[in-house]
Amino acid sequence: MALYLPIKLNITISYNYRVVNAEPKIHIILFYKFTQIQSPESFVDSHMDFCVSEGLLGKVLVAKEGINGSLSGSKKQIERYKRYLTDQEQFSDITLKKK
């Protein structure tokens, strides 16, 4: 015959772990394309307006010869930027690399 007594245990368990394959909060894209930009100044104005309105951070260099940039933001912000850029005919085939 076994006797079971109720006992109160105070146990503290701590874990050190690393989350694997978690979705990053900040996404970074890198891109460039050599293409003729007729009016870099007006391109910069509209591009800047879009990036500021989306809350993107980074640097985009624009010249008559093309574009080169790296931007960071949330997944949704980056996806909207990709759509914005690739919807423009001259950038429809641009390669955007995720970091």
N, C-alpha and C. Protein backbone atom coordinates (compact mmCIF):
# COMPACT_ATOMS: atom_id res chain seq x y z
N MET A 1 0.84 -1.16 0.00
CA MET A 1 0.00 0.00 0.00
C MET A 1 0.89 1.23 0.00
N ALA A 2 0.56 2.17 -0.92
CA ALA A 2 1.35 3.39 -1.03
C ALA A 2 0.61 4.53 -0.37
N LEU A 3 1.37 5.41 0.21
CA LEU A 3 0.81 6.58 0.87
C LEU A 3 1.21 7.80 0.06
N TYR A 4 0.24 8.53 -0.43
CA TYR A 4 0.51 9.73 -1.21
C TYR A 4 0.23 10.95 -0.36
N LEU A 5 1.24 11.77 -0.20
CA LEU A 5 1.10 13.00 0.57
C LEU A 5 1.15 14.20 -0.37
N PRO A 6 0.26 15.12 -0.20
CA PRO A 6 0.34 16.33 -1.02
C PRO A 6 1.55 17.16 -0.59
N ILE A 7 2.39 17.48 -1.52
CA ILE A 7 3.55 18.32 -1.21
C ILE A 7 3.57 19.51 -2.16
N LYS A 8 4.06 20.59 -1.64
CA LYS A 8 4.14 21.82 -2.43
C LYS A 8 5.59 22.00 -2.85
N LEU A 9 5.78 22.12 -4.16
CA LEU A 9 7.13 22.31 -4.68
C LEU A 9 7.28 23.71 -5.25
N ASN A 10 8.37 24.33 -4.93
CA ASN A 10 8.71 25.62 -5.53
C ASN A 10 9.87 25.36 -6.49
N ILE A 11 9.55 25.31 -7.76
CA ILE A 11 10.57 25.01 -8.76
C ILE A 11 10.60 26.17 -9.76
N THR A 12 11.79 26.61 -10.04
CA THR A 12 11.98 27.64 -11.05
C THR A 12 12.75 27.01 -12.20
N ILE A 13 12.17 27.09 -13.37
CA ILE A 13 12.83 26.54 -14.55
C ILE A 13 13.08 27.69 -15.52
N SER A 14 14.30 27.80 -15.96
CA SER A 14 14.60 28.82 -16.96
C SER A 14 15.23 28.14 -18.17
N TYR A 15 14.92 28.68 -19.32
CA TYR A 15 15.43 28.12 -20.56
C TYR A 15 16.20 29.19 -21.32
N ASN A 16 17.30 28.80 -21.85
CA ASN A 16 18.02 29.64 -22.80
C ASN A 16 17.82 28.98 -24.16
N TYR A 17 17.13 29.67 -25.02
CA TYR A 17 16.87 29.08 -26.33
C TYR A 17 16.92 30.15 -27.40
N ARG A 18 17.11 29.70 -28.61
CA ARG A 18 17.14 30.58 -29.76
C ARG A 18 16.02 30.16 -30.70
N VAL A 19 15.24 31.11 -31.12
CA VAL A 19 14.16 30.81 -32.03
C VAL A 19 14.75 30.67 -33.43
N VAL A 20 14.49 29.54 -34.05
CA VAL A 20 15.02 29.27 -35.37
C VAL A 20 13.90 29.47 -36.40
N ASN A 21 14.26 30.04 -37.52
CA ASN A 21 13.32 30.28 -38.62
C ASN A 21 12.19 31.24 -38.24
N ALA A 22 12.46 32.15 -37.33
CA ALA A 22 11.45 33.16 -36.97
C ALA A 22 11.46 34.24 -38.05
N GLU A 23 10.33 34.80 -38.32
CA GLU A 23 10.20 35.87 -39.31
C GLU A 23 10.87 37.14 -38.75
N PRO A 24 11.86 37.68 -39.46
CA PRO A 24 12.51 38.90 -38.96
C PRO A 24 11.54 40.08 -39.00
N LYS A 25 11.72 40.99 -38.06
CA LYS A 25 10.85 42.16 -38.02
C LYS A 25 11.27 43.20 -39.05
N ILE A 26 12.55 43.26 -39.33
CA ILE A 26 13.08 44.21 -40.30
C ILE A 26 13.60 43.44 -41.51
N HIS A 27 13.16 43.86 -42.67
CA HIS A 27 13.61 43.25 -43.92
C HIS A 27 14.46 44.27 -44.68
N ILE A 28 15.49 43.78 -45.34
CA ILE A 28 16.40 44.64 -46.09
C ILE A 28 16.45 44.14 -47.52
N ILE A 29 16.36 45.07 -48.47
CA ILE A 29 16.53 44.70 -49.87
C ILE A 29 17.65 45.54 -50.48
N LEU A 30 18.36 44.93 -51.41
CA LEU A 30 19.44 45.58 -52.15
C LEU A 30 19.10 45.47 -53.63
N PHE A 31 19.39 46.50 -54.39
CA PHE A 31 19.04 46.46 -55.80
C PHE A 31 19.84 47.48 -56.59
N TYR A 32 19.97 47.21 -57.89
CA TYR A 32 20.51 48.20 -58.83
C TYR A 32 20.05 47.82 -60.23
N LYS A 33 20.00 48.81 -61.09
CA LYS A 33 19.72 48.54 -62.48
C LYS A 33 20.23 49.70 -63.32
N PHE A 34 20.96 49.34 -64.36
CA PHE A 34 21.38 50.34 -65.33
C PHE A 34 20.26 50.51 -66.35
N THR A 35 19.71 51.70 -66.40
CA THR A 35 18.65 52.03 -67.35
C THR A 35 18.62 53.54 -67.51
N GLN A 36 18.16 54.00 -68.62
CA GLN A 36 18.11 55.43 -68.87
C GLN A 36 16.94 56.05 -68.09
N ILE A 37 17.26 57.02 -67.23
CA ILE A 37 16.23 57.77 -66.50
C ILE A 37 16.25 59.19 -67.07
N GLN A 38 15.17 59.54 -67.77
CA GLN A 38 15.12 60.81 -68.50
C GLN A 38 15.21 62.03 -67.59
N SER A 39 14.47 62.00 -66.49
CA SER A 39 14.45 63.14 -65.58
C SER A 39 14.72 62.65 -64.15
N PRO A 40 15.99 62.51 -63.78
CA PRO A 40 16.31 62.01 -62.44
C PRO A 40 15.70 62.83 -61.32
N GLU A 41 15.61 64.14 -61.50
CA GLU A 41 15.08 65.01 -60.44
C GLU A 41 13.62 64.68 -60.14
N SER A 42 12.80 64.56 -61.18
CA SER A 42 11.38 64.25 -60.94
C SER A 42 11.22 62.81 -60.45
N PHE A 43 12.08 61.92 -60.93
CA PHE A 43 12.05 60.53 -60.45
C PHE A 43 12.35 60.50 -58.95
N VAL A 44 13.36 61.26 -58.53
CA VAL A 44 13.73 61.31 -57.11
C VAL A 44 12.58 61.86 -56.27
N ASP A 45 11.93 62.90 -56.75
CA ASP A 45 10.82 63.49 -56.00
C ASP A 45 9.70 62.49 -55.75
N SER A 46 9.26 61.82 -56.80
CA SER A 46 8.16 60.85 -56.62
C SER A 46 8.60 59.64 -55.82
N HIS A 47 9.83 59.21 -56.04
CA HIS A 47 10.37 58.06 -55.32
C HIS A 47 10.48 58.37 -53.82
N MET A 48 11.00 59.55 -53.52
CA MET A 48 11.15 59.98 -52.12
C MET A 48 9.79 60.09 -51.44
N ASP A 49 8.82 60.66 -52.13
CA ASP A 49 7.47 60.77 -51.56
C ASP A 49 6.92 59.39 -51.19
N PHE A 50 7.09 58.42 -52.08
CA PHE A 50 6.60 57.08 -51.80
C PHE A 50 7.32 56.47 -50.60
N CYS A 51 8.65 56.55 -50.59
CA CYS A 51 9.44 55.94 -49.50
C CYS A 51 9.11 56.57 -48.15
N VAL A 52 8.96 57.88 -48.11
CA VAL A 52 8.64 58.57 -46.87
C VAL A 52 7.23 58.19 -46.41
N SER A 53 6.28 58.15 -47.35
CA SER A 53 4.91 57.80 -46.96
C SER A 53 4.82 56.36 -46.44
N GLU A 54 5.68 55.48 -46.92
CA GLU A 54 5.70 54.09 -46.46
C GLU A 54 6.52 53.91 -45.19
N GLY A 55 7.34 54.89 -44.84
CA GLY A 55 8.17 54.77 -43.64
C GLY A 55 9.42 53.92 -43.87
N LEU A 56 9.87 53.82 -45.12
CA LEU A 56 11.07 53.04 -45.42
C LEU A 56 12.32 53.80 -45.03
N LEU A 57 13.36 53.07 -44.69
CA LEU A 57 14.64 53.67 -44.35
C LEU A 57 15.70 53.13 -45.29
N GLY A 58 16.69 53.94 -45.61
CA GLY A 58 17.78 53.46 -46.45
C GLY A 58 18.29 54.55 -47.37
N LYS A 59 18.91 54.09 -48.45
CA LYS A 59 19.53 55.02 -49.39
C LYS A 59 19.26 54.52 -50.80
N VAL A 60 18.84 55.44 -51.67
CA VAL A 60 18.63 55.12 -53.08
C VAL A 60 19.37 56.19 -53.90
N LEU A 61 20.30 55.74 -54.69
CA LEU A 61 21.05 56.64 -55.56
C LEU A 61 20.41 56.61 -56.94
N VAL A 62 20.15 57.79 -57.49
CA VAL A 62 19.50 57.89 -58.79
C VAL A 62 20.37 58.77 -59.68
N ALA A 63 20.60 58.30 -60.90
CA ALA A 63 21.35 59.06 -61.90
C ALA A 63 20.69 58.83 -63.25
N LYS A 64 21.13 59.57 -64.26
CA LYS A 64 20.59 59.36 -65.61
C LYS A 64 20.84 57.93 -66.08
N GLU A 65 21.87 57.30 -65.52
CA GLU A 65 22.26 55.95 -65.96
C GLU A 65 21.54 54.83 -65.21
N GLY A 66 20.80 55.15 -64.15
CA GLY A 66 20.09 54.08 -63.44
C GLY A 66 19.89 54.35 -61.96
N ILE A 67 19.69 53.26 -61.23
CA ILE A 67 19.33 53.31 -59.81
C ILE A 67 20.13 52.28 -59.03
N ASN A 68 20.45 52.61 -57.78
CA ASN A 68 21.17 51.71 -56.89
C ASN A 68 20.70 52.01 -55.47
N GLY A 69 20.28 50.98 -54.74
CA GLY A 69 19.78 51.28 -53.40
C GLY A 69 19.75 50.12 -52.45
N SER A 70 19.55 50.47 -51.20
CA SER A 70 19.29 49.50 -50.13
C SER A 70 18.26 50.13 -49.21
N LEU A 71 17.20 49.38 -48.94
CA LEU A 71 16.12 49.89 -48.11
C LEU A 71 15.76 48.88 -47.05
N SER A 72 15.23 49.37 -45.93
CA SER A 72 14.77 48.47 -44.87
C SER A 72 13.38 48.91 -44.42
N GLY A 73 12.64 47.91 -43.94
CA GLY A 73 11.29 48.16 -43.45
C GLY A 73 10.65 46.85 -43.05
N SER A 74 9.39 46.92 -42.68
CA SER A 74 8.66 45.70 -42.34
C SER A 74 8.42 44.89 -43.62
N LYS A 75 7.98 43.68 -43.47
CA LYS A 75 7.71 42.84 -44.63
C LYS A 75 6.69 43.50 -45.56
N LYS A 76 5.62 44.05 -44.98
CA LYS A 76 4.58 44.70 -45.78
C LYS A 76 5.12 45.93 -46.51
N GLN A 77 5.93 46.73 -45.81
CA GLN A 77 6.50 47.92 -46.44
C GLN A 77 7.38 47.54 -47.63
N ILE A 78 8.21 46.52 -47.44
CA ILE A 78 9.11 46.09 -48.51
C ILE A 78 8.31 45.51 -49.68
N GLU A 79 7.28 44.75 -49.39
CA GLU A 79 6.45 44.20 -50.47
C GLU A 79 5.77 45.31 -51.27
N ARG A 80 5.29 46.34 -50.58
CA ARG A 80 4.66 47.47 -51.28
C ARG A 80 5.69 48.21 -52.14
N TYR A 81 6.91 48.36 -51.61
CA TYR A 81 7.96 49.02 -52.39
C TYR A 81 8.30 48.21 -53.64
N LYS A 82 8.41 46.90 -53.49
CA LYS A 82 8.71 46.05 -54.65
C LYS A 82 7.65 46.24 -55.74
N ARG A 83 6.37 46.26 -55.33
CA ARG A 83 5.29 46.47 -56.29
C ARG A 83 5.39 47.85 -56.95
N TYR A 84 5.66 48.85 -56.11
CA TYR A 84 5.80 50.22 -56.62
C TYR A 84 6.89 50.29 -57.68
N LEU A 85 8.03 49.72 -57.40
CA LEU A 85 9.16 49.82 -58.32
C LEU A 85 8.94 48.97 -59.57
N THR A 86 8.50 47.74 -59.41
CA THR A 86 8.36 46.86 -60.57
C THR A 86 7.13 47.20 -61.42
N ASP A 87 6.21 48.00 -60.91
CA ASP A 87 5.08 48.46 -61.72
C ASP A 87 5.52 49.50 -62.76
N GLN A 88 6.71 50.06 -62.57
CA GLN A 88 7.26 51.00 -63.55
C GLN A 88 7.96 50.18 -64.63
N GLU A 89 7.60 50.45 -65.87
CA GLU A 89 8.06 49.62 -66.99
C GLU A 89 9.57 49.41 -67.02
N GLN A 90 10.33 50.44 -66.79
CA GLN A 90 11.78 50.31 -66.89
C GLN A 90 12.39 49.49 -65.76
N PHE A 91 11.63 49.23 -64.69
CA PHE A 91 12.13 48.44 -63.57
C PHE A 91 11.35 47.13 -63.39
N SER A 92 10.56 46.77 -64.37
CA SER A 92 9.73 45.56 -64.24
C SER A 92 10.55 44.29 -64.08
N ASP A 93 11.79 44.31 -64.57
CA ASP A 93 12.64 43.11 -64.49
C ASP A 93 13.81 43.27 -63.51
N ILE A 94 13.74 44.27 -62.62
CA ILE A 94 14.84 44.49 -61.67
C ILE A 94 14.93 43.35 -60.67
N THR A 95 16.15 43.01 -60.29
CA THR A 95 16.38 41.98 -59.29
C THR A 95 16.54 42.64 -57.93
N LEU A 96 15.69 42.25 -56.98
CA LEU A 96 15.76 42.78 -55.62
C LEU A 96 16.25 41.65 -54.72
N LYS A 97 17.39 41.85 -54.10
CA LYS A 97 17.97 40.83 -53.24
C LYS A 97 17.59 41.08 -51.80
N LYS A 98 17.13 40.02 -51.13
CA LYS A 98 16.80 40.13 -49.70
C LYS A 98 18.04 39.84 -48.89
N LYS A 99 18.19 40.57 -47.82
CA LYS A 99 19.31 40.36 -46.90
C LYS A 99 18.80 39.77 -45.63
